């Protein structure tokens, strides 16, 4: 079943029930056609929050669709209303950095620096960071 995109998604990251600054999360929007859309969000602010607006979702979705036309449908037409969110772990950060360096080094230079900083500060205790997400209408 298809659904309208909300006006934004708000993600909150916590560690031991306290706001956690500096986390990166992956927000996946579930579709009813081929692949789901996933978006890298972060780092979270001092309140442990990070969000993405509908217009940003549409634009990033358009970019993913253009890059891999056979793998996606137009996000506004295939989104089911379901989503999931997870905190990126050390291994995830390393993979994202490698991919950005390999395919988009100039375009993603500032993001790469932020991700490297997050990786440098990462420790095993951060495996317990939790992300919750709300979709916000209107």
Protein backbone atom coordinates (compact mmCIF):
# COMPACT_ATOMS: atom_id res chain seq x y z
CA UNK A 1 0.00 0.00 0.00
CA UNK A 2 1.40 3.37 -0.96
CA UNK A 3 1.48 6.37 1.38
CA UNK A 4 2.28 10.05 1.20
CA UNK A 5 5.66 11.16 2.43
CA UNK A 6 5.46 13.04 5.74
CA UNK A 7 6.70 16.62 5.95
CA UNK A 8 9.78 15.39 7.85
CA UNK A 9 11.34 12.56 9.81
CA UNK A 10 12.80 13.35 13.24
CA UNK A 11 15.37 10.99 14.71
CA UNK A 12 16.60 11.07 18.31
CA UNK A 13 19.71 9.23 19.46
CA UNK A 14 20.25 8.28 23.08
CA UNK A 15 22.82 6.42 25.13
CA UNK A 16 21.71 5.17 28.55
CA UNK A 17 18.53 7.26 28.23
CA UNK A 18 20.50 10.48 27.66
CA UNK A 19 20.68 12.49 24.45
CA UNK A 20 23.67 11.47 22.35
CA UNK A 21 25.48 13.98 20.16
CA UNK A 22 27.49 12.97 17.11
CA UNK A 23 25.67 9.83 15.96
CA UNK A 24 25.03 8.96 12.35
CA UNK A 25 21.93 6.99 11.43
CA UNK A 26 20.53 5.24 8.41
CA UNK A 27 16.87 5.98 7.70
CA UNK A 28 15.28 3.42 5.39
CA UNK A 29 11.97 4.13 3.69
CA UNK A 30 10.17 0.92 2.80
CA UNK A 31 8.80 0.73 -0.74
CA UNK A 32 6.51 -1.66 -2.59
CA UNK A 33 8.73 -1.68 -5.68
CA UNK A 34 12.24 -3.10 -5.99
CA UNK A 35 14.67 -1.56 -3.45
CA UNK A 36 13.97 0.53 -0.37
CA UNK A 37 15.48 3.99 -0.12
CA UNK A 38 18.13 4.62 2.55
CA UNK A 39 19.45 7.97 3.69
CA UNK A 40 22.51 8.76 5.80
CA UNK A 41 21.66 11.34 8.46
CA UNK A 42 23.94 12.98 10.96
CA UNK A 43 25.71 13.83 12.99
CA UNK A 44 23.07 14.27 15.68
CA UNK A 45 23.10 17.61 17.53
CA UNK A 46 23.52 18.27 21.28
CA UNK A 47 19.91 17.20 21.85
CA UNK A 48 20.62 13.94 20.04
CA UNK A 49 18.43 15.02 17.13
CA UNK A 50 18.76 14.87 13.38
CA UNK A 51 15.98 15.33 10.86
CA UNK A 52 15.26 15.31 7.15
CA UNK A 53 12.57 17.30 5.36
CA UNK A 54 10.23 15.98 2.67
CA UNK A 55 11.88 18.14 -0.01
CA UNK A 56 15.29 16.72 0.92
CA UNK A 57 13.91 13.17 0.76
CA UNK A 58 12.44 13.82 -2.68
CA UNK A 59 15.70 15.34 -3.97
CA UNK A 60 17.94 12.61 -2.53
CA UNK A 61 15.50 10.01 -3.78
CA UNK A 62 15.64 11.54 -7.26
CA UNK A 63 19.43 11.37 -7.17
CA UNK A 64 19.36 7.69 -6.16
CA UNK A 65 16.82 6.93 -8.88
CA UNK A 66 18.92 8.68 -11.54
CA UNK A 67 22.05 6.83 -10.43
CA UNK A 68 20.35 3.41 -10.48
CA UNK A 69 17.22 3.64 -12.61
CA UNK A 70 16.69 -0.13 -12.69
CA UNK A 71 16.84 -0.42 -8.88
CA UNK A 72 14.24 2.10 -7.71
CA UNK A 73 10.84 3.58 -8.43
CA UNK A 74 9.98 7.26 -7.90
CA UNK A 75 9.95 7.69 -4.12
CA UNK A 76 6.65 9.61 -4.04
CA UNK A 77 4.97 6.72 -5.88
CA UNK A 78 6.43 3.70 -4.06
CA UNK A 79 6.73 4.69 -0.36
CA UNK A 80 4.52 2.44 1.81
CA UNK A 81 4.44 4.57 4.96
CA UNK A 82 6.81 2.21 6.77
CA UNK A 83 10.34 3.09 7.77
CA UNK A 84 13.20 1.92 9.95
CA UNK A 85 16.17 3.64 11.50
CA UNK A 86 19.44 2.32 12.87
CA UNK A 87 22.59 3.82 14.32
CA UNK A 88 25.71 3.40 12.22
CA UNK A 89 28.40 1.37 13.92
CA UNK A 90 32.16 1.56 13.41
CA UNK A 91 32.05 -0.88 10.49
CA UNK A 92 29.26 1.11 8.82
CA UNK A 93 31.18 4.37 9.15
CA UNK A 94 34.25 2.76 7.61
CA UNK A 95 32.19 1.50 4.63
CA UNK A 96 30.58 4.89 4.06
CA UNK A 97 33.94 6.66 4.16
CA UNK A 98 35.44 4.20 1.67
CA UNK A 99 32.50 4.58 -0.69
CA UNK A 100 32.58 8.38 -0.52
CA UNK A 101 36.34 8.45 -1.06
CA UNK A 102 36.09 6.10 -4.01
CA UNK A 103 33.12 7.55 -5.85
CA UNK A 104 32.53 11.10 -4.63
CA UNK A 105 35.74 12.34 -3.02
CA UNK A 106 35.52 15.96 -4.19
CA UNK A 107 31.75 16.31 -3.83
CA UNK A 108 31.65 14.79 -0.33
CA UNK A 109 34.87 16.26 1.09
CA UNK A 110 33.25 17.94 4.12
CA UNK A 111 31.08 14.90 4.86
CA UNK A 112 34.14 12.64 4.73
CA UNK A 113 35.89 14.83 7.32
CA UNK A 114 32.86 14.69 9.65
CA UNK A 115 32.60 10.93 9.25
CA UNK A 116 36.32 10.49 9.95
CA UNK A 117 35.86 12.57 13.11
CA UNK A 118 32.94 10.37 14.19
CA UNK A 119 35.03 7.27 13.48
CA UNK A 120 37.97 8.64 15.51
CA UNK A 121 35.68 9.22 18.50
CA UNK A 122 33.94 5.86 18.20
CA UNK A 123 34.34 3.30 21.01
CA UNK A 124 32.65 0.01 21.95
CA UNK A 125 30.29 1.73 24.40
CA UNK A 126 28.63 3.42 21.42
CA UNK A 127 27.23 0.08 20.25
CA UNK A 128 24.45 0.80 22.77
CA UNK A 129 23.32 4.07 21.18
CA UNK A 130 19.63 3.82 20.34
CA UNK A 131 17.77 5.69 17.58
CA UNK A 132 14.05 6.37 17.54
CA UNK A 133 12.22 8.02 14.69
CA UNK A 134 8.94 9.83 14.20
CA UNK A 135 7.33 10.90 10.96
CA UNK A 136 5.79 14.34 11.25
CA UNK A 137 2.80 15.42 9.17
CA UNK A 138 2.11 19.00 8.12
